[in-house]
Amino acid sequence: RAYGRDHTKVASTLMNLGSAYGVLGDYAKQRDMQERALAIEERAYGRDHTKVASTLMNLGSAYGVLGDYAKQRDMQERALAIEERAYGRD
């Protein structure tokens, strides 16, 4: 084992796998993979890192296609707040 199950490389693979599930129409599996990736990234980078924001955007989209629009909004608003702190509002 070069990395272990909580390494950021694993998170990246989980994101890619989640995307593949989304393309196949298995949005619940997509959400599950992206939630696992988010947990790894939050531990590795902290809750306010831009890598986390990117994952939050993707996860929010997965919630949206599953019909959980409130959760989608929450994820995407959190992502926006992270990015505005990192890059500014304009």
C-alpha atoms as a PDB file:
ATOM      1  CA  ARG A   1       0.000   0.000   0.000  1.00  0.00           C
ATOM      2  CA  ALA A   2       1.564   3.150  -1.180  1.00  0.00           C
ATOM      3  CA  TYR A   3      -1.143   5.562  -0.049  1.00  0.00           C
ATOM      4  CA  GLY A   4      -3.846   4.065   2.169  1.00  0.00           C
ATOM      5  CA  ARG A   5      -7.595   4.577   1.938  1.00  0.00           C
ATOM      6  CA  ASP A   6      -7.557   8.144   3.263  1.00  0.00           C
ATOM      7  CA  HIS A   7      -4.976   9.563   0.870  1.00  0.00           C
ATOM      8  CA  THR A   8      -5.926  12.424  -1.430  1.00  0.00           C
ATOM      9  CA  LYS A   9      -5.100  10.233  -4.451  1.00  0.00           C
ATOM     10  CA  VAL A  10      -7.895   7.941  -3.311  1.00  0.00           C
ATOM     11  CA  ALA A  11     -10.223  10.961  -3.075  1.00  0.00           C
ATOM     12  CA  SER A  12      -9.355  11.872  -6.653  1.00  0.00           C
ATOM     13  CA  THR A  13     -10.136   8.351  -7.810  1.00  0.00           C
ATOM     14  CA  LEU A  14     -13.411   8.399  -5.889  1.00  0.00           C
ATOM     15  CA  MET A  15     -14.375  11.640  -7.646  1.00  0.00           C
ATOM     16  CA  ASN A  16     -13.616  10.109 -11.045  1.00  0.00           C
ATOM     17  CA  LEU A  17     -15.522   6.958 -10.185  1.00  0.00           C
ATOM     18  CA  GLY A  18     -18.437   9.057  -8.965  1.00  0.00           C
ATOM     19  CA  SER A  19     -18.468  10.896 -12.283  1.00  0.00           C
ATOM     20  CA  ALA A  20     -18.569   7.578 -14.128  1.00  0.00           C
ATOM     21  CA  TYR A  21     -21.530   6.450 -12.032  1.00  0.00           C
ATOM     22  CA  GLY A  22     -23.258   9.744 -12.836  1.00  0.00           C
ATOM     23  CA  VAL A  23     -22.787   9.247 -16.566  1.00  0.00           C
ATOM     24  CA  LEU A  24     -24.271   5.777 -16.160  1.00  0.00           C
ATOM     25  CA  GLY A  25     -27.271   7.259 -14.364  1.00  0.00           C
ATOM     26  CA  ASP A  26     -26.493   5.813 -10.925  1.00  0.00           C
ATOM     27  CA  TYR A  27     -26.714   9.130  -9.096  1.00  0.00           C
ATOM     28  CA  ALA A  28     -26.968   7.602  -5.621  1.00  0.00           C
ATOM     29  CA  LYS A  29     -23.665   5.818  -6.192  1.00  0.00           C
ATOM     30  CA  GLN A  30     -22.204   9.037  -7.614  1.00  0.00           C
ATOM     31  CA  ARG A  31     -23.240  10.869  -4.426  1.00  0.00           C
ATOM     32  CA  ASP A  32     -21.778   8.118  -2.233  1.00  0.00           C
ATOM     33  CA  MET A  33     -18.394   8.226  -3.978  1.00  0.00           C
ATOM     34  CA  GLN A  34     -18.265  12.010  -3.822  1.00  0.00           C
ATOM     35  CA  GLU A  35     -19.235  12.056  -0.130  1.00  0.00           C
ATOM     36  CA  ARG A  36     -16.327   9.710   0.597  1.00  0.00           C
ATOM     37  CA  ALA A  37     -13.996  11.952  -1.416  1.00  0.00           C
ATOM     38  CA  LEU A  38     -15.229  15.016   0.462  1.00  0.00           C
ATOM     39  CA  ALA A  39     -14.526  13.427   3.840  1.00  0.00           C
ATOM     40  CA  ILE A  40     -10.963  12.583   2.793  1.00  0.00           C
ATOM     41  CA  GLU A  41     -10.320  16.059   1.392  1.00  0.00           C
ATOM     42  CA  GLU A  42     -11.712  17.815   4.461  1.00  0.00           C
ATOM     43  CA  ARG A  43      -9.387  15.794   6.693  1.00  0.00           C
ATOM     44  CA  ALA A  44      -6.392  16.341   4.413  1.00  0.00           C
ATOM     45  CA  TYR A  45      -6.843  19.985   3.403  1.00  0.00           C
ATOM     46  CA  GLY A  46      -9.271  21.435   5.937  1.00  0.00           C
ATOM     47  CA  ARG A  47     -12.919  22.378   5.460  1.00  0.00           C
ATOM     48  CA  ASP A  48     -12.147  25.690   3.718  1.00  0.00           C
ATOM     49  CA  HIS A  49      -9.734  24.595   0.989  1.00  0.00           C
ATOM     50  CA  THR A  50     -10.496  25.237  -2.680  1.00  0.00           C
ATOM     51  CA  LYS A  51     -10.129  21.505  -3.455  1.00  0.00           C
ATOM     52  CA  VAL A  52     -12.987  20.953  -1.028  1.00  0.00           C
ATOM     53  CA  ALA A  53     -15.014  23.647  -2.817  1.00  0.00           C
ATOM     54  CA  SER A  54     -14.656  21.826  -6.118  1.00  0.00           C
ATOM     55  CA  THR A  55     -15.853  18.585  -4.577  1.00  0.00           C
ATOM     56  CA  LEU A  56     -18.750  20.399  -2.908  1.00  0.00           C
ATOM     57  CA  MET A  57     -19.871  21.731  -6.299  1.00  0.00           C
ATOM     58  CA  ASN A  58     -19.845  18.254  -7.821  1.00  0.00           C
ATOM     59  CA  LEU A  59     -21.563  16.728  -4.814  1.00  0.00           C
ATOM     60  CA  GLY A  60     -24.178  19.458  -4.897  1.00  0.00           C
ATOM     61  CA  SER A  61     -24.941  18.590  -8.498  1.00  0.00           C
ATOM     62  CA  ALA A  62     -25.378  14.942  -7.529  1.00  0.00           C
ATOM     63  CA  TYR A  63     -27.865  15.945  -4.836  1.00  0.00           C
ATOM     64  CA  GLY A  64     -29.693  18.048  -7.412  1.00  0.00           C
ATOM     65  CA  VAL A  65     -30.244  15.204  -9.850  1.00  0.00           C
ATOM     66  CA  LEU A  66     -31.470  13.121  -6.913  1.00  0.00           C
ATOM     67  CA  GLY A  67     -34.058  15.823  -6.210  1.00  0.00           C
ATOM     68  CA  ASP A  68     -32.570  17.093  -2.946  1.00  0.00           C
ATOM     69  CA  TYR A  69     -32.429  20.721  -4.004  1.00  0.00           C
ATOM     70  CA  ALA A  70     -31.977  22.101  -0.501  1.00  0.00           C
ATOM     71  CA  LYS A  71     -28.864  19.970  -0.034  1.00  0.00           C
ATOM     72  CA  GLN A  72     -27.655  20.999  -3.496  1.00  0.00           C
ATOM     73  CA  ARG A  73     -28.047  24.664  -2.578  1.00  0.00           C
ATOM     74  CA  ASP A  74     -26.271  24.172   0.760  1.00  0.00           C
ATOM     75  CA  MET A  75     -23.286  22.433  -0.859  1.00  0.00           C
ATOM     76  CA  GLN A  76     -22.972  24.989  -3.628  1.00  0.00           C
ATOM     77  CA  GLU A  77     -23.351  27.975  -1.290  1.00  0.00           C
ATOM     78  CA  ARG A  78     -20.614  26.548   0.914  1.00  0.00           C
ATOM     79  CA  ALA A  79     -18.403  26.085  -2.142  1.00  0.00           C
ATOM     80  CA  LEU A  80     -19.045  29.666  -3.234  1.00  0.00           C
ATOM     81  CA  ALA A  81     -18.132  30.996   0.213  1.00  0.00           C
ATOM     82  CA  ILE A  82     -14.836  29.075   0.157  1.00  0.00           C
ATOM     83  CA  GLU A  83     -13.974  30.337  -3.320  1.00  0.00           C
ATOM     84  CA  GLU A  84     -14.875  33.939  -2.509  1.00  0.00           C
ATOM     85  CA  ARG A  85     -12.612  33.838   0.548  1.00  0.00           C
ATOM     86  CA  ALA A  86      -9.797  32.386  -1.534  1.00  0.00           C
ATOM     87  CA  TYR A  87     -10.180  34.410  -4.729  1.00  0.00           C
ATOM     88  CA  GLY A  88     -12.316  37.412  -3.813  1.00  0.00           C
ATOM     89  CA  ARG A  89     -15.851  38.272  -4.841  1.00  0.00           C
ATOM     90  CA  ASP A  90     -15.023  39.884  -8.172  1.00  0.00           C
END
